[in-house]
Each structure stands twice: as structure tokens, then as C-alpha cells.
Amino acid sequence: QIGIKALFEHLRWSSPYLEGGEPFRLNNNYT
């Protein structure tokens, strides 16, 4: 088992910026 939030955090950590240089944001409400 793994929590979807762990995957969210991994994605946040590995993708801190989008292609245009904008900060990458994920809303925890969508997990």
C-alpha cells in the first residue's frame, strides 16, 4: 500500500517548475 499523497509529494519534488519556469502547484484537495 502507498498513499496517493506520497506520489503527489514525489511529483512535486521531481517537477518543481513547469516548462515556462512557473512554479508547479498541486492542490491536495485533488488527491
PDB file of all heavy atoms in Angstrom:
ATOM      1  N   GLN A   1       0.835  -1.195   0.000  1.00  0.00           N
ATOM      2  CA  GLN A   1       0.000   0.000   0.000  1.00  0.00           C
ATOM      3  C   GLN A   1       0.872   1.248   0.000  1.00  0.00           C
ATOM      4  O   GLN A   1       1.962   1.263   0.578  1.00  0.00           O
ATOM      5  CB  GLN A   1      -0.894   0.042   1.234  1.00  0.00           C
ATOM      6  CG  GLN A   1      -2.147  -0.759   1.114  1.00  0.00           C
ATOM      7  CD  GLN A   1      -3.134  -0.398   2.224  1.00  0.00           C
ATOM      8  OE1 GLN A   1      -2.773   0.107   3.276  1.00  0.00           O
ATOM      9  NE2 GLN A   1      -4.392  -0.681   1.983  1.00  0.00           N
ATOM     10  N   ILE A   2       0.369   2.273  -0.642  1.00  0.00           N
ATOM     11  CA  ILE A   2       1.032   3.572  -0.642  1.00  0.00           C
ATOM     12  C   ILE A   2      -0.054   4.637  -0.649  1.00  0.00           C
ATOM     13  O   ILE A   2      -1.136   4.426  -1.210  1.00  0.00           O
ATOM     14  CB  ILE A   2       1.989   3.742  -1.843  1.00  0.00           C
ATOM     15  CG1 ILE A   2       2.822   5.022  -1.692  1.00  0.00           C
ATOM     16  CG2 ILE A   2       1.235   3.712  -3.152  1.00  0.00           C
ATOM     17  CD1 ILE A   2       3.946   5.154  -2.688  1.00  0.00           C
ATOM     18  N   GLY A   3       0.227   5.744  -0.031  1.00  0.00           N
ATOM     19  CA  GLY A   3      -0.726   6.845  -0.042  1.00  0.00           C
ATOM     20  C   GLY A   3      -0.565   7.678  -1.298  1.00  0.00           C
ATOM     21  O   GLY A   3       0.558   7.923  -1.756  1.00  0.00           O
ATOM     22  N   ILE A   4      -1.654   8.094  -1.855  1.00  0.00           N
ATOM     23  CA  ILE A   4      -1.601   8.927  -3.057  1.00  0.00           C
ATOM     24  C   ILE A   4      -0.846  10.221  -2.772  1.00  0.00           C
ATOM     25  O   ILE A   4      -0.178  10.768  -3.644  1.00  0.00           O
ATOM     26  CB  ILE A   4      -3.028   9.199  -3.616  1.00  0.00           C
ATOM     27  CG1 ILE A   4      -2.987   9.908  -4.976  1.00  0.00           C
ATOM     28  CG2 ILE A   4      -3.846  10.005  -2.639  1.00  0.00           C
ATOM     29  CD1 ILE A   4      -2.465   9.069  -6.085  1.00  0.00           C
ATOM     30  N   LYS A   5      -0.883  10.687  -1.527  1.00  0.00           N
ATOM     31  CA  LYS A   5      -0.153  11.918  -1.202  1.00  0.00           C
ATOM     32  C   LYS A   5       1.352  11.710  -1.293  1.00  0.00           C
ATOM     33  O   LYS A   5       2.082  12.641  -1.604  1.00  0.00           O
ATOM     34  CB  LYS A   5      -0.564  12.446   0.168  1.00  0.00           C
ATOM     35  CG  LYS A   5      -1.947  13.067   0.117  1.00  0.00           C
ATOM     36  CD  LYS A   5      -2.261  13.867   1.336  1.00  0.00           C
ATOM     37  CE  LYS A   5      -3.648  14.470   1.162  1.00  0.00           C
ATOM     38  NZ  LYS A   5      -4.034  15.268   2.279  1.00  0.00           N
ATOM     39  N   ALA A   6       1.836  10.492  -1.038  1.00  0.00           N
ATOM     40  CA  ALA A   6       3.267  10.220  -1.218  1.00  0.00           C
ATOM     41  C   ALA A   6       3.645  10.381  -2.683  1.00  0.00           C
ATOM     42  O   ALA A   6       4.696  10.940  -3.007  1.00  0.00           O
ATOM     43  CB  ALA A   6       3.599   8.814  -0.724  1.00  0.00           C
ATOM     44  N   LEU A   7       2.777   9.912  -3.584  1.00  0.00           N
ATOM     45  CA  LEU A   7       3.040  10.087  -5.012  1.00  0.00           C
ATOM     46  C   LEU A   7       2.967  11.563  -5.397  1.00  0.00           C
ATOM     47  O   LEU A   7       3.754  12.035  -6.217  1.00  0.00           O
ATOM     48  CB  LEU A   7       2.050   9.258  -5.840  1.00  0.00           C
ATOM     49  CG  LEU A   7       2.085   7.746  -5.628  1.00  0.00           C
ATOM     50  CD1 LEU A   7       1.058   7.060  -6.510  1.00  0.00           C
ATOM     51  CD2 LEU A   7       3.468   7.187  -5.854  1.00  0.00           C
ATOM     52  N   PHE A   8       2.019  12.280  -4.805  1.00  0.00           N
ATOM     53  CA  PHE A   8       1.912  13.723  -5.047  1.00  0.00           C
ATOM     54  C   PHE A   8       3.203  14.423  -4.645  1.00  0.00           C
ATOM     55  O   PHE A   8       3.720  15.266  -5.370  1.00  0.00           O
ATOM     56  CB  PHE A   8       0.747  14.304  -4.235  1.00  0.00           C
ATOM     57  CG  PHE A   8      -0.455  14.687  -5.044  1.00  0.00           C
ATOM     58  CD1 PHE A   8      -1.023  13.820  -5.950  1.00  0.00           C
ATOM     59  CD2 PHE A   8      -1.036  15.922  -4.870  1.00  0.00           C
ATOM     60  CE1 PHE A   8      -2.143  14.174  -6.667  1.00  0.00           C
ATOM     61  CE2 PHE A   8      -2.153  16.291  -5.588  1.00  0.00           C
ATOM     62  CZ  PHE A   8      -2.704  15.413  -6.498  1.00  0.00           C
ATOM     63  N   GLU A   9       3.716  14.086  -3.451  1.00  0.00           N
ATOM     64  CA  GLU A   9       4.937  14.727  -2.965  1.00  0.00           C
ATOM     65  C   GLU A   9       6.128  14.380  -3.846  1.00  0.00           C
ATOM     66  O   GLU A   9       6.971  15.230  -4.116  1.00  0.00           O
ATOM     67  CB  GLU A   9       5.210  14.355  -1.511  1.00  0.00           C
ATOM     68  CG  GLU A   9       4.189  14.908  -0.533  1.00  0.00           C
ATOM     69  CD  GLU A   9       4.035  16.426  -0.599  1.00  0.00           C
ATOM     70  OE1 GLU A   9       5.020  17.148  -0.881  1.00  0.00           O
ATOM     71  OE2 GLU A   9       2.908  16.905  -0.366  1.00  0.00           O
ATOM     72  N   HIS A  10       6.194  13.141  -4.315  1.00  0.00           N
ATOM     73  CA  HIS A  10       7.270  12.761  -5.224  1.00  0.00           C
ATOM     74  C   HIS A  10       7.184  13.581  -6.508  1.00  0.00           C
ATOM     75  O   HIS A  10       8.200  14.071  -7.013  1.00  0.00           O
ATOM     76  CB  HIS A  10       7.204  11.268  -5.543  1.00  0.00           C
ATOM     77  CG  HIS A  10       8.301  10.809  -6.444  1.00  0.00           C
ATOM     78  ND1 HIS A  10       9.554  10.516  -5.976  1.00  0.00           N
ATOM     79  CD2 HIS A  10       8.331  10.625  -7.785  1.00  0.00           C
ATOM     80  CE1 HIS A  10      10.318  10.160  -7.006  1.00  0.00           C
ATOM     81  NE2 HIS A  10       9.594  10.215  -8.106  1.00  0.00           N
ATOM     82  N   LEU A  11       5.985  13.740  -7.014  1.00  0.00           N
ATOM     83  CA  LEU A  11       5.788  14.524  -8.231  1.00  0.00           C
ATOM     84  C   LEU A  11       6.151  15.988  -8.000  1.00  0.00           C
ATOM     85  O   LEU A  11       6.808  16.612  -8.836  1.00  0.00           O
ATOM     86  CB  LEU A  11       4.337  14.390  -8.700  1.00  0.00           C
ATOM     87  CG  LEU A  11       3.991  14.903 -10.088  1.00  0.00           C
ATOM     88  CD1 LEU A  11       4.864  14.258 -11.145  1.00  0.00           C
ATOM     89  CD2 LEU A  11       2.525  14.651 -10.382  1.00  0.00           C
ATOM     90  N   ARG A  12       5.782  16.534  -6.865  1.00  0.00           N
ATOM     91  CA  ARG A  12       6.149  17.914  -6.534  1.00  0.00           C
ATOM     92  C   ARG A  12       7.664  18.071  -6.463  1.00  0.00           C
ATOM     93  O   ARG A  12       8.226  19.041  -6.939  1.00  0.00           O
ATOM     94  CB  ARG A  12       5.545  18.323  -5.193  1.00  0.00           C
ATOM     95  CG  ARG A  12       4.100  18.673  -5.250  1.00  0.00           C
ATOM     96  CD  ARG A  12       3.628  19.126  -3.875  1.00  0.00           C
ATOM     97  NE  ARG A  12       2.253  19.545  -3.929  1.00  0.00           N
ATOM     98  CZ  ARG A  12       1.313  19.130  -3.094  1.00  0.00           C
ATOM     99  NH1 ARG A  12       1.611  18.296  -2.123  1.00  0.00           N
ATOM    100  NH2 ARG A  12       0.078  19.555  -3.213  1.00  0.00           N
ATOM    101  N   TRP A  13       8.323  17.111  -5.823  1.00  0.00           N
ATOM    102  CA  TRP A  13       9.760  17.180  -5.635  1.00  0.00           C
ATOM    103  C   TRP A  13      10.497  17.056  -6.967  1.00  0.00           C
ATOM    104  O   TRP A  13      11.477  17.736  -7.209  1.00  0.00           O
ATOM    105  CB  TRP A  13      10.206  16.075  -4.680  1.00  0.00           C
ATOM    106  CG  TRP A  13      11.669  16.072  -4.431  1.00  0.00           C
ATOM    107  CD1 TRP A  13      12.359  16.868  -3.566  1.00  0.00           C
ATOM    108  CD2 TRP A  13      12.626  15.224  -5.064  1.00  0.00           C
ATOM    109  NE1 TRP A  13      13.697  16.565  -3.616  1.00  0.00           N
ATOM    110  CE2 TRP A  13      13.891  15.558  -4.531  1.00  0.00           C
ATOM    111  CE3 TRP A  13      12.547  14.215  -6.023  1.00  0.00           C
ATOM    112  CZ2 TRP A  13      15.065  14.920  -4.933  1.00  0.00           C
ATOM    113  CZ3 TRP A  13      13.715  13.583  -6.411  1.00  0.00           C
ATOM    114  CH2 TRP A  13      14.953  13.939  -5.869  1.00  0.00           C
ATOM    115  N   SER A  14      10.010  16.164  -7.828  1.00  0.00           N
ATOM    116  CA  SER A  14      10.707  15.918  -9.092  1.00  0.00           C
ATOM    117  C   SER A  14      10.351  16.932 -10.173  1.00  0.00           C
ATOM    118  O   SER A  14      11.039  17.014 -11.181  1.00  0.00           O
ATOM    119  CB  SER A  14      10.415  14.502  -9.593  1.00  0.00           C
ATOM    120  OG  SER A  14       9.045  14.350  -9.873  1.00  0.00           O
ATOM    121  N   SER A  15       9.302  17.710  -9.995  1.00  0.00           N
ATOM    122  CA  SER A  15       8.868  18.686 -11.001  1.00  0.00           C
ATOM    123  C   SER A  15       8.597  20.043 -10.357  1.00  0.00           C
ATOM    124  O   SER A  15       7.459  20.508 -10.353  1.00  0.00           O
ATOM    125  CB  SER A  15       7.588  18.201 -11.683  1.00  0.00           C
ATOM    126  OG  SER A  15       7.732  16.916 -12.197  1.00  0.00           O
ATOM    127  N   PRO A  16       9.642  20.706  -9.807  1.00  0.00           N
ATOM    128  CA  PRO A  16       9.361  21.967  -9.096  1.00  0.00           C
ATOM    129  C   PRO A  16       8.929  23.104 -10.013  1.00  0.00           C
ATOM    130  O   PRO A  16       8.294  24.048  -9.570  1.00  0.00           O
ATOM    131  CB  PRO A  16      10.676  22.286  -8.393  1.00  0.00           C
ATOM    132  CG  PRO A  16      11.713  21.566  -9.169  1.00  0.00           C
ATOM    133  CD  PRO A  16      11.037  20.352  -9.753  1.00  0.00           C
ATOM    134  N   TYR A  17       9.248  23.021 -11.305  1.00  0.00           N
ATOM    135  CA  TYR A  17       8.881  24.092 -12.225  1.00  0.00           C
ATOM    136  C   TYR A  17       8.317  23.511 -13.508  1.00  0.00           C
ATOM    137  O   TYR A  17       8.739  22.448 -13.959  1.00  0.00           O
ATOM    138  CB  TYR A  17      10.089  24.967 -12.570  1.00  0.00           C
ATOM    139  CG  TYR A  17      10.593  25.720 -11.378  1.00  0.00           C
ATOM    140  CD1 TYR A  17      11.648  25.225 -10.623  1.00  0.00           C
ATOM    141  CD2 TYR A  17       9.994  26.897 -10.979  1.00  0.00           C
ATOM    142  CE1 TYR A  17      12.095  25.900  -9.506  1.00  0.00           C
ATOM    143  CE2 TYR A  17      10.438  27.580  -9.869  1.00  0.00           C
ATOM    144  CZ  TYR A  17      11.487  27.073  -9.132  1.00  0.00           C
ATOM    145  OH  TYR A  17      11.917  27.748  -8.025  1.00  0.00           O
ATOM    146  N   LEU A  18       7.384  24.235 -14.092  1.00  0.00           N
ATOM    147  CA  LEU A  18       6.843  23.852 -15.383  1.00  0.00           C
ATOM    148  C   LEU A  18       7.800  24.320 -16.472  1.00  0.00           C
ATOM    149  O   LEU A  18       8.764  25.048 -16.206  1.00  0.00           O
ATOM    150  CB  LEU A  18       5.462  24.476 -15.575  1.00  0.00           C
ATOM    151  CG  LEU A  18       4.393  24.022 -14.569  1.00  0.00           C
ATOM    152  CD1 LEU A  18       3.108  24.801 -14.772  1.00  0.00           C
ATOM    153  CD2 LEU A  18       4.123  22.536 -14.724  1.00  0.00           C
ATOM    154  N   GLU A  19       7.536  23.960 -17.718  1.00  0.00           N
ATOM    155  CA  GLU A  19       8.431  24.308 -18.821  1.00  0.00           C
ATOM    156  C   GLU A  19       8.662  25.812 -18.939  1.00  0.00           C
ATOM    157  O   GLU A  19       9.750  26.242 -19.239  1.00  0.00           O
ATOM    158  CB  GLU A  19       7.877  23.774 -20.142  1.00  0.00           C
ATOM    159  CG  GLU A  19       8.029  22.280 -20.295  1.00  0.00           C
ATOM    160  CD  GLU A  19       7.513  21.784 -21.620  1.00  0.00           C
ATOM    161  OE1 GLU A  19       7.322  22.597 -22.543  1.00  0.00           O
ATOM    162  OE2 GLU A  19       7.298  20.581 -21.733  1.00  0.00           O
ATOM    163  N   GLY A  20       7.661  26.618 -18.672  1.00  0.00           N
ATOM    164  CA  GLY A  20       7.798  28.061 -18.801  1.00  0.00           C
ATOM    165  C   GLY A  20       8.466  28.715 -17.603  1.00  0.00           C
ATOM    166  O   GLY A  20       8.571  29.927 -17.532  1.00  0.00           O
ATOM    167  N   GLY A  21       8.922  27.923 -16.640  1.00  0.00           N
ATOM    168  CA  GLY A  21       9.577  28.471 -15.463  1.00  0.00           C
ATOM    169  C   GLY A  21       8.618  28.826 -14.334  1.00  0.00           C
ATOM    170  O   GLY A  21       9.027  29.310 -13.296  1.00  0.00           O
ATOM    171  N   GLU A  22       7.324  28.572 -14.546  1.00  0.00           N
ATOM    172  CA  GLU A  22       6.345  28.863 -13.500  1.00  0.00           C
ATOM    173  C   GLU A  22       6.426  27.796 -12.413  1.00  0.00           C
ATOM    174  O   GLU A  22       6.714  26.635 -12.701  1.00  0.00           O
ATOM    175  CB  GLU A  22       4.924  28.852 -14.080  1.00  0.00           C
ATOM    176  CG  GLU A  22       4.676  29.914 -15.110  1.00  0.00           C
ATOM    177  CD  GLU A  22       3.269  29.802 -15.695  1.00  0.00           C
ATOM    178  OE1 GLU A  22       2.359  29.380 -14.956  1.00  0.00           O
ATOM    179  OE2 GLU A  22       3.110  30.114 -16.868  1.00  0.00           O
ATOM    180  N   PRO A  23       6.177  28.174 -11.147  1.00  0.00           N
ATOM    181  CA  PRO A  23       6.184  27.161 -10.081  1.00  0.00           C
ATOM    182  C   PRO A  23       5.095  26.118 -10.320  1.00  0.00           C
ATOM    183  O   PRO A  23       4.020  26.426 -10.807  1.00  0.00           O
ATOM    184  CB  PRO A  23       5.886  27.957  -8.814  1.00  0.00           C
ATOM    185  CG  PRO A  23       6.050  29.381  -9.174  1.00  0.00           C
ATOM    186  CD  PRO A  23       5.916  29.501 -10.655  1.00  0.00           C
ATOM    187  N   PHE A  24       5.415  24.892  -9.996  1.00  0.00           N
ATOM    188  CA  PHE A  24       4.494  23.778 -10.153  1.00  0.00           C
ATOM    189  C   PHE A  24       3.634  23.658  -8.907  1.00  0.00           C
ATOM    190  O   PHE A  24       4.150  23.624  -7.807  1.00  0.00           O
ATOM    191  CB  PHE A  24       5.302  22.506 -10.381  1.00  0.00           C
ATOM    192  CG  PHE A  24       4.482  21.259 -10.431  1.00  0.00           C
ATOM    193  CD1 PHE A  24       3.544  21.076 -11.421  1.00  0.00           C
ATOM    194  CD2 PHE A  24       4.657  20.272  -9.490  1.00  0.00           C
ATOM    195  CE1 PHE A  24       2.793  19.917 -11.474  1.00  0.00           C
ATOM    196  CE2 PHE A  24       3.917  19.104  -9.538  1.00  0.00           C
ATOM    197  CZ  PHE A  24       2.986  18.939 -10.530  1.00  0.00           C
ATOM    198  N   ARG A  25       2.334  23.596  -9.065  1.00  0.00           N
ATOM    199  CA  ARG A  25       1.436  23.513  -7.913  1.00  0.00           C
ATOM    200  C   ARG A  25       0.437  22.381  -8.101  1.00  0.00           C
ATOM    201  O   ARG A  25      -0.125  22.206  -9.163  1.00  0.00           O
ATOM    202  CB  ARG A  25       0.681  24.815  -7.727  1.00  0.00           C
ATOM    203  CG  ARG A  25       1.592  25.978  -7.457  1.00  0.00           C
ATOM    204  CD  ARG A  25       0.802  27.252  -7.231  1.00  0.00           C
ATOM    205  NE  ARG A  25       1.683  28.376  -7.162  1.00  0.00           N
ATOM    206  CZ  ARG A  25       2.203  28.859  -6.044  1.00  0.00           C
ATOM    207  NH1 ARG A  25       1.920  28.298  -4.905  1.00  0.00           N
ATOM    208  NH2 ARG A  25       3.002  29.895  -6.071  1.00  0.00           N
ATOM    209  N   LEU A  26       0.238  21.626  -7.033  1.00  0.00           N
ATOM    210  CA  LEU A  26      -0.780  20.577  -6.988  1.00  0.00           C
ATOM    211  C   LEU A  26      -1.645  20.829  -5.777  1.00  0.00           C
ATOM    212  O   LEU A  26      -1.137  21.021  -4.678  1.00  0.00           O
ATOM    213  CB  LEU A  26      -0.125  19.202  -6.834  1.00  0.00           C
ATOM    214  CG  LEU A  26       0.328  18.493  -8.085  1.00  0.00           C
ATOM    215  CD1 LEU A  26       1.025  17.194  -7.730  1.00  0.00           C
ATOM    216  CD2 LEU A  26      -0.822  18.225  -9.007  1.00  0.00           C
ATOM    217  N   ASN A  27      -2.941  20.805  -5.967  1.00  0.00           N
ATOM    218  CA  ASN A  27      -3.880  21.030  -4.878  1.00  0.00           C
ATOM    219  C   ASN A  27      -4.125  19.716  -4.139  1.00  0.00           C
ATOM    220  O   ASN A  27      -4.563  18.734  -4.733  1.00  0.00           O
ATOM    221  CB  ASN A  27      -5.193  21.583  -5.451  1.00  0.00           C
ATOM    222  CG  ASN A  27      -6.146  22.038  -4.401  1.00  0.00           C
ATOM    223  OD1 ASN A  27      -6.146  21.547  -3.279  1.00  0.00           O
ATOM    224  ND2 ASN A  27      -6.986  22.991  -4.753  1.00  0.00           N
ATOM    225  N   ASN A  28      -3.836  19.687  -2.831  1.00  0.00           N
ATOM    226  CA  ASN A  28      -4.047  18.476  -2.038  1.00  0.00           C
ATOM    227  C   ASN A  28      -5.500  18.019  -2.039  1.00  0.00           C
ATOM    228  O   ASN A  28      -5.787  16.853  -1.776  1.00  0.00           O
ATOM    229  CB  ASN A  28      -3.591  18.684  -0.591  1.00  0.00           C
ATOM    230  CG  ASN A  28      -2.108  18.568  -0.436  1.00  0.00           C
ATOM    231  OD1 ASN A  28      -1.426  17.987  -1.272  1.00  0.00           O
ATOM    232  ND2 ASN A  28      -1.589  19.129   0.629  1.00  0.00           N
ATOM    233  N   ASN A  29      -6.427  18.919  -2.319  1.00  0.00           N
ATOM    234  CA  ASN A  29      -7.838  18.543  -2.354  1.00  0.00           C
ATOM    235  C   ASN A  29      -8.150  17.573  -3.497  1.00  0.00           C
ATOM    236  O   ASN A  29      -9.194  16.944  -3.496  1.00  0.00           O
ATOM    237  CB  ASN A  29      -8.726  19.780  -2.489  1.00  0.00           C
ATOM    238  CG  ASN A  29      -8.665  20.657  -1.272  1.00  0.00           C
ATOM    239  OD1 ASN A  29      -8.326  20.216  -0.183  1.00  0.00           O
ATOM    240  ND2 ASN A  29      -8.981  21.926  -1.449  1.00  0.00           N
ATOM    241  N   TYR A  30      -7.243  17.465  -4.461  1.00  0.00           N
ATOM    242  CA  TYR A  30      -7.494  16.605  -5.615  1.00  0.00           C
ATOM    243  C   TYR A  30      -6.953  15.186  -5.431  1.00  0.00           C
ATOM    244  O   TYR A  30      -7.165  14.333  -6.282  1.00  0.00           O
ATOM    245  CB  TYR A  30      -6.875  17.206  -6.879  1.00  0.00           C
ATOM    246  CG  TYR A  30      -7.411  18.570  -7.249  1.00  0.00           C
ATOM    247  CD1 TYR A  30      -6.653  19.447  -8.008  1.00  0.00           C
ATOM    248  CD2 TYR A  30      -8.667  18.998  -6.849  1.00  0.00           C
ATOM    249  CE1 TYR A  30      -7.130  20.695  -8.363  1.00  0.00           C
ATOM    250  CE2 TYR A  30      -9.145  20.247  -7.187  1.00  0.00           C
ATOM    251  CZ  TYR A  30      -8.371  21.095  -7.948  1.00  0.00           C
ATOM    252  OH  TYR A  30      -8.838  22.330  -8.297  1.00  0.00           O
ATOM    253  N   THR A  31      -6.253  14.915  -4.342  1.00  0.00           N
ATOM    254  CA  THR A  31      -5.616  13.611  -4.190  1.00  0.00           C
ATOM    255  C   THR A  31      -6.625  12.462  -4.227  1.00  0.00           C
ATOM    256  O   THR A  31      -6.379  11.453  -4.884  1.00  0.00           O
ATOM    257  CB  THR A  31      -4.796  13.536  -2.883  1.00  0.00           C
ATOM    258  OG1 THR A  31      -5.641  13.848  -1.781  1.00  0.00           O
ATOM    259  CG2 THR A  31      -3.610  14.462  -2.928  1.00  0.00           C
TER     260      THR A  31
END
